[in-house]
Amino acid sequence: MHTSRTLPLLGLLCLAPLPALAQTAADSPVTLQCGGIGSDESSAMLAESKQQSLTLLYVSSDGHYMSDVQTRIESVKGEHVAEQNCGPIGQVNVAAPGRYKLKASFGDQKQEKTLTLKPRGGQRLVLRWKAE
């Protein structure tokens, strides 16, 4: 049985910060930044969402934000990859417009999506997961 770390949607708890960047090179073609634990950090990340290619929100079916969701973003050819455990918010930036694959898993639950992204595209996607 996999135990989840869930946080209430309203008023996130302040916990130890998650790793900030999957890739830190400014010229990396695909980056994934994860965080959003604590109301200050989540508010700041959501305020920046229009400047990101894609903002991901990880939410359980019982209404809580989630963390520790294995997330992978790659170009459709699999050439450029960013990946890490993410949540409750993830922000993706791409250097060039195009199609990208999103693969996310939590326990035995998996989600895959193909997305068309562009730099500073301001897209938002909510990934919903069954509460365990």
N, C-alpha and C. Protein backbone atom coordinates (compact mmCIF):
# COMPACT_ATOMS: atom_id res chain seq x y z
N MET A 1 0.84 -1.18 0.00
CA MET A 1 0.00 0.00 0.00
C MET A 1 0.89 1.24 0.00
N HIS A 2 0.60 2.15 -0.89
CA HIS A 2 1.39 3.38 -1.00
C HIS A 2 0.68 4.47 -0.20
N THR A 3 1.39 5.12 0.68
CA THR A 3 0.79 6.21 1.43
C THR A 3 1.10 7.51 0.73
N SER A 4 0.13 8.38 0.69
CA SER A 4 0.31 9.64 -0.01
C SER A 4 0.56 10.76 0.98
N ARG A 5 1.26 11.76 0.49
CA ARG A 5 1.39 13.00 1.23
C ARG A 5 0.41 13.95 0.61
N THR A 6 -0.66 14.27 1.31
CA THR A 6 -1.64 15.20 0.78
C THR A 6 -1.71 16.40 1.69
N LEU A 7 -2.05 17.52 1.11
CA LEU A 7 -2.14 18.77 1.84
C LEU A 7 -3.50 19.39 1.54
N PRO A 8 -4.15 20.02 2.52
CA PRO A 8 -5.44 20.65 2.24
C PRO A 8 -5.29 21.69 1.13
N LEU A 9 -6.32 21.78 0.26
CA LEU A 9 -6.30 22.75 -0.83
C LEU A 9 -6.22 24.17 -0.30
N LEU A 10 -6.93 24.45 0.75
CA LEU A 10 -6.90 25.80 1.32
C LEU A 10 -5.95 25.80 2.51
N GLY A 11 -4.95 26.63 2.45
CA GLY A 11 -4.01 26.74 3.56
C GLY A 11 -3.02 25.59 3.60
N LEU A 12 -2.14 25.51 2.62
CA LEU A 12 -1.14 24.46 2.59
C LEU A 12 -0.27 24.52 3.83
N LEU A 13 0.11 23.37 4.31
CA LEU A 13 0.98 23.30 5.48
C LEU A 13 2.40 23.66 5.11
N CYS A 14 3.11 24.24 6.03
CA CYS A 14 4.52 24.55 5.78
C CYS A 14 5.34 23.33 6.15
N LEU A 15 5.96 22.72 5.15
CA LEU A 15 6.80 21.56 5.34
C LEU A 15 8.17 21.86 4.78
N ALA A 16 9.09 20.93 4.91
CA ALA A 16 10.42 21.11 4.33
C ALA A 16 10.29 21.32 2.83
N PRO A 17 11.03 22.25 2.26
CA PRO A 17 10.90 22.54 0.83
C PRO A 17 11.34 21.37 -0.03
N LEU A 18 10.67 21.22 -1.18
CA LEU A 18 11.05 20.21 -2.15
C LEU A 18 12.23 20.72 -2.96
N PRO A 19 12.97 19.85 -3.65
CA PRO A 19 14.05 20.32 -4.51
C PRO A 19 13.51 21.32 -5.52
N ALA A 20 14.22 22.40 -5.73
CA ALA A 20 13.70 23.50 -6.53
C ALA A 20 13.72 23.23 -8.02
N LEU A 21 14.80 22.70 -8.56
CA LEU A 21 14.89 22.55 -10.00
C LEU A 21 15.38 21.18 -10.39
N ALA A 22 14.74 20.62 -11.43
CA ALA A 22 15.23 19.36 -11.98
C ALA A 22 16.47 19.62 -12.81
N GLN A 23 16.49 20.75 -13.51
CA GLN A 23 17.64 21.15 -14.29
C GLN A 23 17.88 22.62 -14.01
N THR A 24 19.12 23.00 -13.86
CA THR A 24 19.39 24.39 -13.52
C THR A 24 20.02 25.17 -14.65
N ALA A 25 20.42 24.52 -15.72
CA ALA A 25 21.05 25.24 -16.83
C ALA A 25 20.03 26.16 -17.48
N ALA A 26 20.39 27.44 -17.58
CA ALA A 26 19.46 28.43 -18.14
C ALA A 26 19.12 28.13 -19.59
N ASP A 27 20.01 27.46 -20.30
CA ASP A 27 19.76 27.18 -21.70
C ASP A 27 19.20 25.78 -21.94
N SER A 28 18.78 25.09 -20.90
CA SER A 28 18.21 23.76 -21.05
C SER A 28 16.91 23.85 -21.85
N PRO A 29 16.69 22.95 -22.81
CA PRO A 29 15.48 23.02 -23.65
C PRO A 29 14.19 22.73 -22.89
N VAL A 30 14.25 21.97 -21.80
CA VAL A 30 13.06 21.64 -21.00
C VAL A 30 13.45 21.70 -19.53
N THR A 31 12.72 22.47 -18.73
CA THR A 31 12.96 22.50 -17.29
C THR A 31 11.66 22.23 -16.55
N LEU A 32 11.79 21.67 -15.36
CA LEU A 32 10.66 21.38 -14.48
C LEU A 32 11.03 21.87 -13.10
N GLN A 33 10.27 22.82 -12.59
CA GLN A 33 10.47 23.35 -11.24
C GLN A 33 9.29 22.89 -10.40
N CYS A 34 9.57 22.36 -9.22
CA CYS A 34 8.52 21.84 -8.35
C CYS A 34 8.54 22.56 -7.00
N GLY A 35 7.39 22.70 -6.41
CA GLY A 35 7.29 23.34 -5.11
C GLY A 35 5.84 23.65 -4.79
N GLY A 36 5.65 24.72 -4.07
CA GLY A 36 4.31 25.16 -3.72
C GLY A 36 3.85 24.74 -2.34
N ILE A 37 4.79 24.25 -1.51
CA ILE A 37 4.40 23.89 -0.15
C ILE A 37 4.48 25.15 0.70
N GLY A 38 3.41 25.45 1.35
CA GLY A 38 3.31 26.69 2.11
C GLY A 38 2.59 27.73 1.28
N SER A 39 1.77 28.51 1.90
CA SER A 39 0.94 29.47 1.15
C SER A 39 1.77 30.53 0.44
N ASP A 40 2.89 30.98 1.03
CA ASP A 40 3.72 31.99 0.36
C ASP A 40 4.31 31.45 -0.93
N GLU A 41 4.87 30.23 -0.86
CA GLU A 41 5.49 29.64 -2.04
C GLU A 41 4.45 29.32 -3.11
N SER A 42 3.31 28.75 -2.72
CA SER A 42 2.28 28.41 -3.71
C SER A 42 1.70 29.68 -4.35
N SER A 43 1.49 30.72 -3.57
CA SER A 43 0.97 31.98 -4.13
C SER A 43 1.96 32.58 -5.14
N ALA A 44 3.25 32.54 -4.80
CA ALA A 44 4.26 33.08 -5.71
C ALA A 44 4.31 32.28 -7.01
N MET A 45 4.26 30.96 -6.91
CA MET A 45 4.32 30.13 -8.12
C MET A 45 3.08 30.34 -8.99
N LEU A 46 1.91 30.40 -8.37
CA LEU A 46 0.69 30.61 -9.15
C LEU A 46 0.66 32.00 -9.79
N ALA A 47 1.23 32.99 -9.11
CA ALA A 47 1.29 34.34 -9.68
C ALA A 47 2.18 34.38 -10.92
N GLU A 48 3.17 33.49 -11.00
CA GLU A 48 4.07 33.42 -12.15
C GLU A 48 3.54 32.53 -13.28
N SER A 49 2.41 31.91 -13.10
CA SER A 49 1.97 30.87 -14.04
C SER A 49 1.82 31.35 -15.48
N LYS A 50 1.47 32.58 -15.69
CA LYS A 50 1.32 33.08 -17.07
C LYS A 50 2.66 33.22 -17.78
N GLN A 51 3.76 33.25 -17.02
CA GLN A 51 5.10 33.36 -17.60
C GLN A 51 5.71 31.99 -17.88
N GLN A 52 5.04 30.93 -17.47
CA GLN A 52 5.54 29.57 -17.64
C GLN A 52 4.91 28.94 -18.89
N SER A 53 5.55 27.94 -19.44
CA SER A 53 4.95 27.20 -20.55
C SER A 53 3.74 26.42 -20.05
N LEU A 54 3.87 25.82 -18.86
CA LEU A 54 2.80 25.00 -18.29
C LEU A 54 2.92 24.99 -16.78
N THR A 55 1.80 25.17 -16.10
CA THR A 55 1.75 25.01 -14.65
C THR A 55 0.89 23.79 -14.36
N LEU A 56 1.44 22.87 -13.58
CA LEU A 56 0.75 21.64 -13.19
C LEU A 56 0.30 21.76 -11.75
N LEU A 57 -0.93 21.33 -11.49
CA LEU A 57 -1.44 21.24 -10.13
C LEU A 57 -1.76 19.77 -9.87
N TYR A 58 -1.28 19.23 -8.77
CA TYR A 58 -1.48 17.84 -8.42
C TYR A 58 -2.52 17.78 -7.30
N VAL A 59 -3.66 17.16 -7.58
CA VAL A 59 -4.79 17.18 -6.65
C VAL A 59 -5.36 15.77 -6.49
N SER A 60 -5.67 15.38 -5.26
CA SER A 60 -6.31 14.08 -5.01
C SER A 60 -7.82 14.23 -5.14
N SER A 61 -8.50 13.11 -5.35
CA SER A 61 -9.95 13.13 -5.53
C SER A 61 -10.68 13.56 -4.27
N ASP A 62 -10.01 13.52 -3.11
CA ASP A 62 -10.67 13.97 -1.89
C ASP A 62 -10.37 15.43 -1.56
N GLY A 63 -9.81 16.17 -2.55
CA GLY A 63 -9.69 17.61 -2.40
C GLY A 63 -8.42 18.12 -1.76
N HIS A 64 -7.34 17.38 -1.83
CA HIS A 64 -6.07 17.82 -1.26
C HIS A 64 -5.02 17.95 -2.34
N TYR A 65 -4.12 18.91 -2.18
CA TYR A 65 -2.95 18.96 -3.04
C TYR A 65 -2.07 17.76 -2.71
N MET A 66 -1.30 17.31 -3.69
CA MET A 66 -0.43 16.15 -3.50
C MET A 66 1.02 16.52 -3.80
N SER A 67 1.92 15.79 -3.18
CA SER A 67 3.34 15.92 -3.50
C SER A 67 3.89 14.52 -3.77
N ASP A 68 5.15 14.47 -4.14
CA ASP A 68 5.83 13.21 -4.43
C ASP A 68 5.23 12.45 -5.61
N VAL A 69 4.78 13.18 -6.62
CA VAL A 69 4.29 12.57 -7.85
C VAL A 69 5.46 12.55 -8.84
N GLN A 70 5.86 11.37 -9.27
CA GLN A 70 6.96 11.25 -10.23
C GLN A 70 6.50 11.86 -11.55
N THR A 71 7.20 12.89 -12.02
CA THR A 71 6.80 13.63 -13.20
C THR A 71 7.95 13.69 -14.19
N ARG A 72 7.62 13.45 -15.45
CA ARG A 72 8.63 13.48 -16.52
C ARG A 72 8.05 14.26 -17.69
N ILE A 73 8.82 15.21 -18.19
CA ILE A 73 8.47 15.99 -19.38
C ILE A 73 9.55 15.71 -20.42
N GLU A 74 9.14 15.38 -21.63
CA GLU A 74 10.12 15.13 -22.68
C GLU A 74 9.57 15.59 -24.03
N SER A 75 10.48 15.89 -24.94
CA SER A 75 10.05 16.19 -26.31
C SER A 75 9.47 14.90 -26.88
N VAL A 76 8.60 15.00 -27.88
CA VAL A 76 7.96 13.79 -28.40
C VAL A 76 8.98 12.80 -28.94
N LYS A 77 10.13 13.25 -29.33
CA LYS A 77 11.18 12.34 -29.79
C LYS A 77 12.02 11.81 -28.63
N GLY A 78 11.74 12.28 -27.41
CA GLY A 78 12.46 11.81 -26.23
C GLY A 78 13.86 12.37 -26.10
N GLU A 79 14.16 13.44 -26.83
CA GLU A 79 15.51 13.99 -26.82
C GLU A 79 15.82 14.83 -25.58
N HIS A 80 14.88 15.63 -25.16
CA HIS A 80 15.11 16.55 -24.05
C HIS A 80 14.17 16.17 -22.92
N VAL A 81 14.74 15.97 -21.73
CA VAL A 81 13.97 15.43 -20.62
C VAL A 81 14.22 16.24 -19.35
N ALA A 82 13.16 16.44 -18.57
CA ALA A 82 13.26 16.95 -17.21
C ALA A 82 12.37 16.05 -16.36
N GLU A 83 12.87 15.63 -15.21
CA GLU A 83 12.06 14.76 -14.37
C GLU A 83 12.46 14.87 -12.91
N GLN A 84 11.44 14.71 -12.04
CA GLN A 84 11.65 14.68 -10.60
C GLN A 84 10.33 14.38 -9.92
N ASN A 85 10.40 14.12 -8.61
CA ASN A 85 9.18 14.00 -7.82
C ASN A 85 8.66 15.41 -7.62
N CYS A 86 7.39 15.61 -7.86
CA CYS A 86 6.86 16.95 -7.93
C CYS A 86 5.55 17.09 -7.16
N GLY A 87 5.17 18.32 -6.91
CA GLY A 87 3.90 18.64 -6.30
C GLY A 87 4.11 19.50 -5.07
N PRO A 88 3.14 20.18 -4.67
CA PRO A 88 1.79 20.26 -5.22
C PRO A 88 1.68 21.09 -6.49
N ILE A 89 2.74 21.82 -6.84
CA ILE A 89 2.73 22.61 -8.08
C ILE A 89 4.00 22.29 -8.86
N GLY A 90 3.86 22.18 -10.15
CA GLY A 90 5.01 22.01 -11.03
C GLY A 90 4.94 23.04 -12.14
N GLN A 91 6.09 23.59 -12.52
CA GLN A 91 6.13 24.56 -13.61
C GLN A 91 7.12 24.08 -14.65
N VAL A 92 6.62 23.99 -15.88
CA VAL A 92 7.41 23.52 -17.01
C VAL A 92 7.74 24.71 -17.89
N ASN A 93 8.98 24.77 -18.33
CA ASN A 93 9.39 25.77 -19.31
C ASN A 93 10.07 25.05 -20.46
N VAL A 94 9.73 25.44 -21.67
CA VAL A 94 10.36 24.90 -22.86
C VAL A 94 11.02 26.04 -23.62
N ALA A 95 12.13 25.74 -24.27
CA ALA A 95 12.86 26.76 -25.03
C ALA A 95 12.26 26.98 -26.41
N ALA A 96 11.58 25.95 -26.94
CA ALA A 96 11.03 26.05 -28.29
C ALA A 96 9.61 25.51 -28.31
N PRO A 97 8.73 26.11 -29.11
CA PRO A 97 7.38 25.57 -29.22
C PRO A 97 7.42 24.18 -29.83
N GLY A 98 6.47 23.35 -29.44
CA GLY A 98 6.38 22.01 -30.00
C GLY A 98 5.53 21.10 -29.16
N ARG A 99 5.56 19.83 -29.52
CA ARG A 99 4.79 18.82 -28.80
C ARG A 99 5.70 18.14 -27.78
N TYR A 100 5.15 17.95 -26.58
CA TYR A 100 5.88 17.37 -25.48
C TYR A 100 5.02 16.32 -24.81
N LYS A 101 5.67 15.31 -24.23
CA LYS A 101 4.97 14.26 -23.50
C LYS A 101 5.10 14.52 -22.00
N LEU A 102 4.01 14.37 -21.31
CA LEU A 102 3.97 14.44 -19.85
C LEU A 102 3.65 13.03 -19.36
N LYS A 103 4.50 12.51 -18.48
CA LYS A 103 4.26 11.21 -17.86
C LYS A 103 4.33 11.43 -16.36
N ALA A 104 3.28 11.04 -15.65
CA ALA A 104 3.24 11.23 -14.21
C ALA A 104 2.73 9.94 -13.57
N SER A 105 3.31 9.60 -12.42
CA SER A 105 2.85 8.41 -11.71
C SER A 105 2.89 8.65 -10.20
N PHE A 106 1.92 8.03 -9.55
CA PHE A 106 1.82 8.09 -8.11
C PHE A 106 1.35 6.71 -7.65
N GLY A 107 2.22 6.00 -6.95
CA GLY A 107 1.88 4.61 -6.60
C GLY A 107 1.68 3.81 -7.88
N ASP A 108 0.56 3.12 -7.99
CA ASP A 108 0.27 2.35 -9.20
C ASP A 108 -0.56 3.12 -10.21
N GLN A 109 -0.82 4.39 -9.95
CA GLN A 109 -1.61 5.23 -10.86
C GLN A 109 -0.67 5.96 -11.82
N LYS A 110 -1.03 5.94 -13.11
CA LYS A 110 -0.21 6.59 -14.13
C LYS A 110 -1.08 7.46 -15.03
N GLN A 111 -0.51 8.57 -15.46
CA GLN A 111 -1.17 9.45 -16.42
C GLN A 111 -0.14 9.85 -17.47
N GLU A 112 -0.58 9.87 -18.73
CA GLU A 112 0.25 10.33 -19.83
C GLU A 112 -0.56 11.27 -20.70
N LYS A 113 0.07 12.34 -21.14
CA LYS A 113 -0.59 13.31 -22.01
C LYS A 113 0.43 13.84 -22.99
N THR A 114 -0.01 14.12 -24.21
CA THR A 114 0.82 14.81 -25.18
C THR A 114 0.28 16.23 -25.27
N LEU A 115 1.16 17.19 -25.10
CA LEU A 115 0.77 18.60 -25.02
C LEU A 115 1.53 19.42 -26.06
N THR A 116 0.89 20.44 -26.56
CA THR A 116 1.57 21.42 -27.41
C THR A 116 1.91 22.60 -26.53
N LEU A 117 3.20 22.85 -26.35
CA LEU A 117 3.66 23.91 -25.46
C LEU A 117 4.50 24.92 -26.21
N LYS A 118 4.52 26.13 -25.67
CA LYS A 118 5.39 27.17 -26.21
C LYS A 118 5.97 27.96 -25.04
N PRO A 119 7.10 28.62 -25.26
CA PRO A 119 7.67 29.43 -24.19
C PRO A 119 6.64 30.48 -23.72
N ARG A 120 6.54 30.63 -22.40
CA ARG A 120 5.62 31.61 -21.80
C ARG A 120 4.18 31.46 -22.27
N GLY A 121 3.77 30.21 -22.52
CA GLY A 121 2.43 29.94 -23.04
C GLY A 121 1.31 30.09 -22.02
N GLY A 122 1.64 30.01 -20.73
CA GLY A 122 0.65 30.23 -19.68
C GLY A 122 -0.41 29.15 -19.54
N GLN A 123 -0.13 27.94 -20.02
CA GLN A 123 -1.11 26.86 -19.88
C GLN A 123 -1.15 26.35 -18.45
N ARG A 124 -2.28 25.77 -18.08
CA ARG A 124 -2.45 25.18 -16.75
C ARG A 124 -3.13 23.83 -16.92
N LEU A 125 -2.68 22.84 -16.14
CA LEU A 125 -3.25 21.51 -16.20
C LEU A 125 -3.36 20.97 -14.78
N VAL A 126 -4.54 20.45 -14.44
CA VAL A 126 -4.76 19.83 -13.14
C VAL A 126 -4.70 18.32 -13.34
N LEU A 127 -3.80 17.66 -12.62
CA LEU A 127 -3.71 16.21 -12.64
C LEU A 127 -4.41 15.70 -11.39
N ARG A 128 -5.48 14.93 -11.58
CA ARG A 128 -6.27 14.40 -10.45
C ARG A 128 -5.92 12.94 -10.22
N TRP A 129 -5.82 12.58 -8.94
CA TRP A 129 -5.42 11.24 -8.55
C TRP A 129 -6.42 10.68 -7.54
N LYS A 130 -6.68 9.39 -7.60
CA LYS A 130 -7.55 8.74 -6.61
C LYS A 130 -6.87 8.83 -5.25
N ALA A 131 -7.67 9.17 -4.25
CA ALA A 131 -7.13 9.21 -2.88
C ALA A 131 -6.85 7.78 -2.43
N GLU A 132 -5.70 7.59 -1.80
CA GLU A 132 -5.34 6.24 -1.32
C GLU A 132 -5.47 6.18 0.18
